[in-house]
Amino acid sequence: MKKTLLAMALAAFIAPIAAQATDSNGICYTYVQLDYVNVSQSGHGAYADGASLSGSYQFANNFHVFGSYTDTSLDKGYIDRQLGDHDGLHVSGKDRPWSLGFGYAASIGSRADWVTQVAYTHDRYSLRGCFDGWGCERYRDAANIWSVNTGVMGRVTDNLTANAYIGYSNGDEGVMGNVYGTFGLVYSFDKTWALHGGVRVNNDSTQTYSVGVRASF
């Protein structure tokens, strides 16, 4: 009986603390976001851009689910060089990944959370190459990728929230393991509307930049 009462008292003490994990510090995990996305590679400049629609929904105070759909286009333009019997090559392509994930946020202070997330991504992509004097070829494929990241989300000021996560992803045969860092800023004009900016840096020397608008609920 004493053990039961002690367990109930402990649960009653812990529950309010857990409930305050994200509510008390004013960090919101329920939103819809639309971004312009630009993908570049060190030493080569930008090579793909497009748009991304993402969202997140917070439940049970500490947990959230999230998802995204991205549509980017690649256009290498005309590469003027001698390629055997062909004079040049024009390369274009599409990349349309979507993802779903689950996250947990635990308070580490009055203005910050420690956040851990796992996600599944289905990446569909296609490439089209056209050789002068020969014709065009198209290549299509898809990959399944799992990722996990962890880091800090915190309010720098009452209107500015920042995050810094480190993560790892891997997937199907042929998908190389990738260590990455994601960094973001959200500036809120009011309880609903905000501007978002972010960057993801991968260990294959590619970077993904995003900027857009967020509506929180």
C-alpha atoms as a PDB file:
ATOM      1  CA  MET A   1       0.000   0.000   0.000  1.00  0.00           C
ATOM      2  CA  LYS A   2       2.823   2.374   0.921  1.00  0.00           C
ATOM      3  CA  LYS A   3       4.580   1.556  -2.353  1.00  0.00           C
ATOM      4  CA  THR A   4       1.396   2.292  -4.297  1.00  0.00           C
ATOM      5  CA  LEU A   5       0.912   5.625  -2.547  1.00  0.00           C
ATOM      6  CA  LEU A   6       4.564   6.506  -3.128  1.00  0.00           C
ATOM      7  CA  ALA A   7       4.247   5.670  -6.853  1.00  0.00           C
ATOM      8  CA  MET A   8       1.080   7.751  -7.122  1.00  0.00           C
ATOM      9  CA  ALA A   9       2.728  10.684  -5.353  1.00  0.00           C
ATOM     10  CA  LEU A  10       5.766  10.443  -7.633  1.00  0.00           C
ATOM     11  CA  ALA A  11       3.549  10.335 -10.734  1.00  0.00           C
ATOM     12  CA  ALA A  12       1.598  13.339  -9.468  1.00  0.00           C
ATOM     13  CA  PHE A  13       4.867  15.220  -8.966  1.00  0.00           C
ATOM     14  CA  ILE A  14       6.379  14.293 -12.348  1.00  0.00           C
ATOM     15  CA  ALA A  15       3.263  14.806 -14.486  1.00  0.00           C
ATOM     16  CA  PRO A  16       3.053  18.601 -14.074  1.00  0.00           C
ATOM     17  CA  ILE A  17       6.781  18.920 -14.779  1.00  0.00           C
ATOM     18  CA  ALA A  18       6.442  16.883 -17.975  1.00  0.00           C
ATOM     19  CA  ALA A  19       3.398  18.901 -18.978  1.00  0.00           C
ATOM     20  CA  GLN A  20       5.446  22.083 -18.702  1.00  0.00           C
ATOM     21  CA  ALA A  21       8.204  20.737 -20.926  1.00  0.00           C
ATOM     22  CA  THR A  22       7.116  22.772 -23.933  1.00  0.00           C
ATOM     23  CA  ASP A  23       4.106  24.782 -22.734  1.00  0.00           C
ATOM     24  CA  SER A  24       5.958  26.761 -20.074  1.00  0.00           C
ATOM     25  CA  ASN A  25       8.774  27.944 -22.330  1.00  0.00           C
ATOM     26  CA  GLY A  26       6.509  29.084 -25.168  1.00  0.00           C
ATOM     27  CA  ILE A  27       7.950  26.789 -27.869  1.00  0.00           C
ATOM     28  CA  CYS A  28       5.308  25.668 -30.355  1.00  0.00           C
ATOM     29  CA  TYR A  29       5.430  22.389 -32.309  1.00  0.00           C
ATOM     30  CA  THR A  30       2.100  22.786 -34.125  1.00  0.00           C
ATOM     31  CA  TYR A  31       2.433  24.654 -37.413  1.00  0.00           C
ATOM     32  CA  VAL A  32       2.253  24.628 -41.212  1.00  0.00           C
ATOM     33  CA  GLN A  33       5.210  25.963 -43.204  1.00  0.00           C
ATOM     34  CA  LEU A  34       5.951  26.795 -46.842  1.00  0.00           C
ATOM     35  CA  ASP A  35       9.596  27.255 -47.880  1.00  0.00           C
ATOM     36  CA  TYR A  36      11.697  28.076 -50.906  1.00  0.00           C
ATOM     37  CA  VAL A  37      14.496  25.473 -51.022  1.00  0.00           C
ATOM     38  CA  ASN A  38      17.940  25.783 -52.606  1.00  0.00           C
ATOM     39  CA  VAL A  39      20.429  22.908 -52.750  1.00  0.00           C
ATOM     40  CA  SER A  40      24.109  23.625 -53.385  1.00  0.00           C
ATOM     41  CA  GLN A  41      27.426  21.817 -53.252  1.00  0.00           C
ATOM     42  CA  SER A  42      30.691  23.291 -52.040  1.00  0.00           C
ATOM     43  CA  GLY A  43      32.777  24.476 -54.982  1.00  0.00           C
ATOM     44  CA  HIS A  44      29.903  24.025 -57.476  1.00  0.00           C
ATOM     45  CA  GLY A  45      27.271  26.561 -56.411  1.00  0.00           C
ATOM     46  CA  ALA A  46      23.515  26.024 -56.527  1.00  0.00           C
ATOM     47  CA  TYR A  47      22.285  23.126 -58.650  1.00  0.00           C
ATOM     48  CA  ALA A  48      18.678  22.512 -57.560  1.00  0.00           C
ATOM     49  CA  ASP A  49      15.830  24.579 -56.158  1.00  0.00           C
ATOM     50  CA  GLY A  50      12.100  24.398 -55.553  1.00  0.00           C
ATOM     51  CA  ALA A  51       9.516  24.435 -52.765  1.00  0.00           C
ATOM     52  CA  SER A  52       8.771  22.489 -49.599  1.00  0.00           C
ATOM     53  CA  LEU A  53       5.508  22.165 -47.662  1.00  0.00           C
ATOM     54  CA  SER A  54       5.905  20.905 -44.093  1.00  0.00           C
ATOM     55  CA  GLY A  55       3.962  20.706 -40.877  1.00  0.00           C
ATOM     56  CA  SER A  56       4.033  19.487 -37.306  1.00  0.00           C
ATOM     57  CA  TYR A  57       1.404  18.636 -34.677  1.00  0.00           C
ATOM     58  CA  GLN A  58       2.085  18.574 -30.930  1.00  0.00           C
ATOM     59  CA  PHE A  59       0.200  16.195 -28.622  1.00  0.00           C
ATOM     60  CA  ALA A  60       0.494  15.040 -25.014  1.00  0.00           C
ATOM     61  CA  ASN A  61       2.664  18.104 -24.342  1.00  0.00           C
ATOM     62  CA  ASN A  62       6.013  16.436 -25.002  1.00  0.00           C
ATOM     63  CA  PHE A  63       5.373  14.648 -28.302  1.00  0.00           C
ATOM     64  CA  HIS A  64       4.893  15.742 -31.895  1.00  0.00           C
ATOM     65  CA  VAL A  65       4.484  14.213 -35.334  1.00  0.00           C
ATOM     66  CA  PHE A  66       5.716  15.946 -38.470  1.00  0.00           C
ATOM     67  CA  GLY A  67       5.874  15.561 -42.224  1.00  0.00           C
ATOM     68  CA  SER A  68       6.988  17.275 -45.404  1.00  0.00           C
ATOM     69  CA  TYR A  69       6.803  17.160 -49.182  1.00  0.00           C
ATOM     70  CA  THR A  70       9.500  18.762 -51.336  1.00  0.00           C
ATOM     71  CA  ASP A  71       9.664  19.346 -55.093  1.00  0.00           C
ATOM     72  CA  THR A  72      12.989  20.542 -56.502  1.00  0.00           C
ATOM     73  CA  SER A  73      14.293  20.844 -60.056  1.00  0.00           C
ATOM     74  CA  LEU A  74      17.825  20.348 -61.350  1.00  0.00           C
ATOM     75  CA  ASP A  75      19.008  22.035 -64.532  1.00  0.00           C
ATOM     76  CA  LYS A  76      22.689  21.782 -65.325  1.00  0.00           C
ATOM     77  CA  GLY A  77      22.143  23.539 -68.623  1.00  0.00           C
ATOM     78  CA  TYR A  78      24.334  22.908 -71.631  1.00  0.00           C
ATOM     79  CA  ILE A  79      27.755  21.410 -70.986  1.00  0.00           C
ATOM     80  CA  ASP A  80      29.899  22.230 -74.023  1.00  0.00           C
ATOM     81  CA  ARG A  81      32.602  19.627 -74.241  1.00  0.00           C
ATOM     82  CA  GLN A  82      33.728  16.823 -76.508  1.00  0.00           C
ATOM     83  CA  LEU A  83      32.131  13.558 -75.397  1.00  0.00           C
ATOM     84  CA  GLY A  84      33.336  10.988 -77.887  1.00  0.00           C
ATOM     85  CA  ASP A  85      31.251  11.432 -81.032  1.00  0.00           C
ATOM     86  CA  HIS A  86      28.952  13.924 -79.273  1.00  0.00           C
ATOM     87  CA  ASP A  87      29.558  17.642 -78.847  1.00  0.00           C
ATOM     88  CA  GLY A  88      27.728  18.371 -75.607  1.00  0.00           C
ATOM     89  CA  LEU A  89      25.265  17.350 -72.953  1.00  0.00           C
ATOM     90  CA  HIS A  90      22.203  18.955 -71.331  1.00  0.00           C
ATOM     91  CA  VAL A  91      21.209  17.542 -67.920  1.00  0.00           C
ATOM     92  CA  SER A  92      17.955  18.176 -66.028  1.00  0.00           C
ATOM     93  CA  GLY A  93      16.081  16.373 -63.296  1.00  0.00           C
ATOM     94  CA  LYS A  94      13.488  16.294 -60.524  1.00  0.00           C
ATOM     95  CA  ASP A  95      13.642  15.288 -56.872  1.00  0.00           C
ATOM     96  CA  ARG A  96      10.365  14.790 -54.939  1.00  0.00           C
ATOM     97  CA  PRO A  97      10.919  13.363 -51.439  1.00  0.00           C
ATOM     98  CA  TRP A  98       8.242  13.109 -48.745  1.00  0.00           C
ATOM     99  CA  SER A  99       8.802  12.309 -45.101  1.00  0.00           C
ATOM    100  CA  LEU A 100       6.967  11.408 -41.887  1.00  0.00           C
ATOM    101  CA  GLY A 101       8.420  11.495 -38.409  1.00  0.00           C
ATOM    102  CA  PHE A 102       7.929  11.432 -34.659  1.00  0.00           C
ATOM    103  CA  GLY A 103       9.578  13.646 -32.042  1.00  0.00           C
ATOM    104  CA  TYR A 104       9.972  14.058 -28.294  1.00  0.00           C
ATOM    105  CA  ALA A 105      10.791  17.359 -26.555  1.00  0.00           C
ATOM    106  CA  ALA A 106      11.953  17.618 -22.933  1.00  0.00           C
ATOM    107  CA  SER A 107      12.444  20.909 -21.138  1.00  0.00           C
ATOM    108  CA  ILE A 108      16.037  21.776 -20.184  1.00  0.00           C
ATOM    109  CA  GLY A 109      15.223  25.221 -18.850  1.00  0.00           C
ATOM    110  CA  SER A 110      12.651  27.973 -18.883  1.00  0.00           C
ATOM    111  CA  ARG A 111      13.415  28.842 -22.539  1.00  0.00           C
ATOM    112  CA  ALA A 112      14.718  25.647 -24.156  1.00  0.00           C
ATOM    113  CA  ASP A 113      13.883  22.032 -25.030  1.00  0.00           C
ATOM    114  CA  TRP A 114      16.083  19.061 -25.843  1.00  0.00           C
ATOM    115  CA  VAL A 115      14.502  17.553 -28.964  1.00  0.00           C
ATOM    116  CA  THR A 116      14.947  14.058 -30.449  1.00  0.00           C
ATOM    117  CA  GLN A 117      13.302  13.040 -33.732  1.00  0.00           C
ATOM    118  CA  VAL A 118      13.137   9.952 -35.951  1.00  0.00           C
ATOM    119  CA  ALA A 119      11.839  10.083 -39.519  1.00  0.00           C
ATOM    120  CA  TYR A 120      11.204   8.004 -42.640  1.00  0.00           C
ATOM    121  CA  THR A 121      11.761   9.548 -46.084  1.00  0.00           C
ATOM    122  CA  HIS A 122      10.726   8.190 -49.473  1.00  0.00           C
ATOM    123  CA  ASP A 123      12.854   9.911 -52.102  1.00  0.00           C
ATOM    124  CA  ARG A 124      11.742   9.804 -55.772  1.00  0.00           C
ATOM    125  CA  TYR A 125      14.074  11.300 -58.352  1.00  0.00           C
ATOM    126  CA  SER A 126      14.607  11.377 -62.096  1.00  0.00           C
ATOM    127  CA  LEU A 127      17.352  12.575 -64.439  1.00  0.00           C
ATOM    128  CA  ARG A 128      17.248  13.364 -68.142  1.00  0.00           C
ATOM    129  CA  GLY A 129      20.382  13.721 -70.262  1.00  0.00           C
ATOM    130  CA  CYS A 130      20.377  14.850 -73.892  1.00  0.00           C
ATOM    131  CA  PHE A 131      23.438  14.407 -76.112  1.00  0.00           C
ATOM    132  CA  ASP A 132      23.884  16.501 -79.237  1.00  0.00           C
ATOM    133  CA  GLY A 133      23.547  14.384 -82.354  1.00  0.00           C
ATOM    134  CA  TRP A 134      22.300  11.326 -80.489  1.00  0.00           C
ATOM    135  CA  GLY A 135      19.167  11.834 -78.366  1.00  0.00           C
ATOM    136  CA  CYS A 136      17.963  11.777 -74.772  1.00  0.00           C
ATOM    137  CA  GLU A 137      17.929   9.219 -71.986  1.00  0.00           C
ATOM    138  CA  ARG A 138      15.835   9.286 -68.798  1.00  0.00           C
ATOM    139  CA  TYR A 139      16.654   7.606 -65.491  1.00  0.00           C
ATOM    140  CA  ARG A 140      14.187   7.149 -62.600  1.00  0.00           C
ATOM    141  CA  ASP A 141      14.662   5.627 -59.168  1.00  0.00           C
ATOM    142  CA  ALA A 142      13.536   5.858 -55.547  1.00  0.00           C
ATOM    143  CA  ALA A 143      15.097   5.309 -52.142  1.00  0.00           C
ATOM    144  CA  ASN A 144      13.867   4.645 -48.608  1.00  0.00           C
ATOM    145  CA  ILE A 145      15.780   6.526 -45.923  1.00  0.00           C
ATOM    146  CA  TRP A 146      15.626   6.487 -42.110  1.00  0.00           C
ATOM    147  CA  SER A 147      17.059   9.281 -39.998  1.00  0.00           C
ATOM    148  CA  VAL A 148      17.479  10.320 -36.372  1.00  0.00           C
ATOM    149  CA  ASN A 149      18.537  13.695 -35.023  1.00  0.00           C
ATOM    150  CA  THR A 150      18.844  15.353 -31.642  1.00  0.00           C
ATOM    151  CA  GLY A 151      19.644  18.797 -30.320  1.00  0.00           C
ATOM    152  CA  VAL A 152      18.377  21.992 -28.736  1.00  0.00           C
ATOM    153  CA  MET A 153      15.408  24.214 -29.579  1.00  0.00           C
ATOM    154  CA  GLY A 154      15.269  27.445 -27.612  1.00  0.00           C
ATOM    155  CA  ARG A 155      13.869  30.964 -27.455  1.00  0.00           C
ATOM    156  CA  VAL A 156      16.684  33.477 -27.971  1.00  0.00           C
ATOM    157  CA  THR A 157      14.221  36.338 -27.411  1.00  0.00           C
ATOM    158  CA  ASP A 158      10.456  36.470 -26.994  1.00  0.00           C
ATOM    159  CA  ASN A 159      10.106  36.641 -30.792  1.00  0.00           C
ATOM    160  CA  LEU A 160      13.123  34.639 -31.990  1.00  0.00           C
ATOM    161  CA  THR A 161      13.475  30.844 -31.706  1.00  0.00           C
ATOM    162  CA  ALA A 162      16.573  28.925 -32.816  1.00  0.00           C
ATOM    163  CA  ASN A 163      17.471  25.257 -33.143  1.00  0.00           C
ATOM    164  CA  ALA A 164      20.646  23.247 -33.696  1.00  0.00           C
ATOM    165  CA  TYR A 165      20.451  19.480 -34.313  1.00  0.00           C
ATOM    166  CA  ILE A 166      22.942  16.807 -35.307  1.00  0.00           C
ATOM    167  CA  GLY A 167      21.701  13.710 -37.104  1.00  0.00           C
ATOM    168  CA  TYR A 168      22.465  10.548 -39.037  1.00  0.00           C
ATOM    169  CA  SER A 169      20.622   8.993 -41.987  1.00  0.00           C
ATOM    170  CA  ASN A 170      20.924   5.744 -43.938  1.00  0.00           C
ATOM    171  CA  GLY A 171      18.707   3.632 -46.128  1.00  0.00           C
ATOM    172  CA  ASP A 172      18.407   1.183 -48.986  1.00  0.00           C
ATOM    173  CA  GLU A 173      21.345  -0.542 -50.607  1.00  0.00           C
ATOM    174  CA  GLY A 174      23.234   2.151 -52.472  1.00  0.00           C
ATOM    175  CA  VAL A 175      22.259   4.909 -50.023  1.00  0.00           C
ATOM    176  CA  MET A 176      25.365   6.108 -48.205  1.00  0.00           C
ATOM    177  CA  GLY A 177      25.265   6.863 -44.487  1.00  0.00           C
ATOM    178  CA  ASN A 178      25.180  10.595 -43.871  1.00  0.00           C
ATOM    179  CA  VAL A 179      26.038  12.701 -40.831  1.00  0.00           C
ATOM    180  CA  TYR A 180      24.343  16.090 -40.956  1.00  0.00           C
ATOM    181  CA  GLY A 181      23.618  19.204 -38.962  1.00  0.00           C
ATOM    182  CA  THR A 182      20.462  21.319 -39.182  1.00  0.00           C
ATOM    183  CA  PHE A 183      20.214  24.895 -37.979  1.00  0.00           C
ATOM    184  CA  GLY A 184      17.129  27.097 -38.035  1.00  0.00           C
ATOM    185  CA  LEU A 185      15.690  30.455 -36.986  1.00  0.00           C
ATOM    186  CA  VAL A 186      12.022  31.415 -36.620  1.00  0.00           C
ATOM    187  CA  TYR A 187      11.042  35.055 -36.065  1.00  0.00           C
ATOM    188  CA  SER A 188       7.451  35.463 -34.859  1.00  0.00           C
ATOM    189  CA  PHE A 189       5.415  38.576 -35.617  1.00  0.00           C
ATOM    190  CA  ASP A 190       2.536  37.363 -33.450  1.00  0.00           C
ATOM    191  CA  LYS A 191       1.185  34.057 -32.100  1.00  0.00           C
ATOM    192  CA  THR A 192       0.354  32.841 -35.618  1.00  0.00           C
ATOM    193  CA  TRP A 193       2.686  34.256 -38.269  1.00  0.00           C
ATOM    194  CA  ALA A 194       6.453  33.920 -38.492  1.00  0.00           C
ATOM    195  CA  LEU A 195       9.377  33.884 -40.925  1.00  0.00           C
ATOM    196  CA  HIS A 196      11.592  30.807 -41.075  1.00  0.00           C
ATOM    197  CA  GLY A 197      15.150  30.317 -42.287  1.00  0.00           C
ATOM    198  CA  GLY A 198      17.283  27.201 -42.100  1.00  0.00           C
ATOM    199  CA  VAL A 199      20.247  25.256 -43.432  1.00  0.00           C
ATOM    200  CA  ARG A 200      21.130  21.570 -43.477  1.00  0.00           C
ATOM    201  CA  VAL A 201      24.823  20.716 -43.884  1.00  0.00           C
ATOM    202  CA  ASN A 202      25.678  17.161 -45.005  1.00  0.00           C
ATOM    203  CA  ASN A 203      28.986  15.326 -44.858  1.00  0.00           C
ATOM    204  CA  ASP A 204      28.941  14.903 -48.668  1.00  0.00           C
ATOM    205  CA  SER A 205      29.601  18.684 -48.992  1.00  0.00           C
ATOM    206  CA  THR A 206      26.003  19.523 -50.003  1.00  0.00           C
ATOM    207  CA  GLN A 207      23.936  22.151 -48.225  1.00  0.00           C
ATOM    208  CA  THR A 208      20.192  22.741 -48.304  1.00  0.00           C
ATOM    209  CA  TYR A 209      19.017  26.297 -47.593  1.00  0.00           C
ATOM    210  CA  SER A 210      15.388  27.168 -46.909  1.00  0.00           C
ATOM    211  CA  VAL A 211      13.449  30.348 -46.256  1.00  0.00           C
ATOM    212  CA  GLY A 212       9.714  30.747 -45.913  1.00  0.00           C
ATOM    213  CA  VAL A 213       6.633  31.556 -43.880  1.00  0.00           C
ATOM    214  CA  ARG A 214       5.141  29.635 -40.938  1.00  0.00           C
ATOM    215  CA  ALA A 215       1.634  29.667 -39.449  1.00  0.00           C
ATOM    216  CA  SER A 216       1.471  28.307 -35.877  1.00  0.00           C
ATOM    217  CA  PHE A 217      -1.663  27.132 -34.093  1.00  0.00           C
END
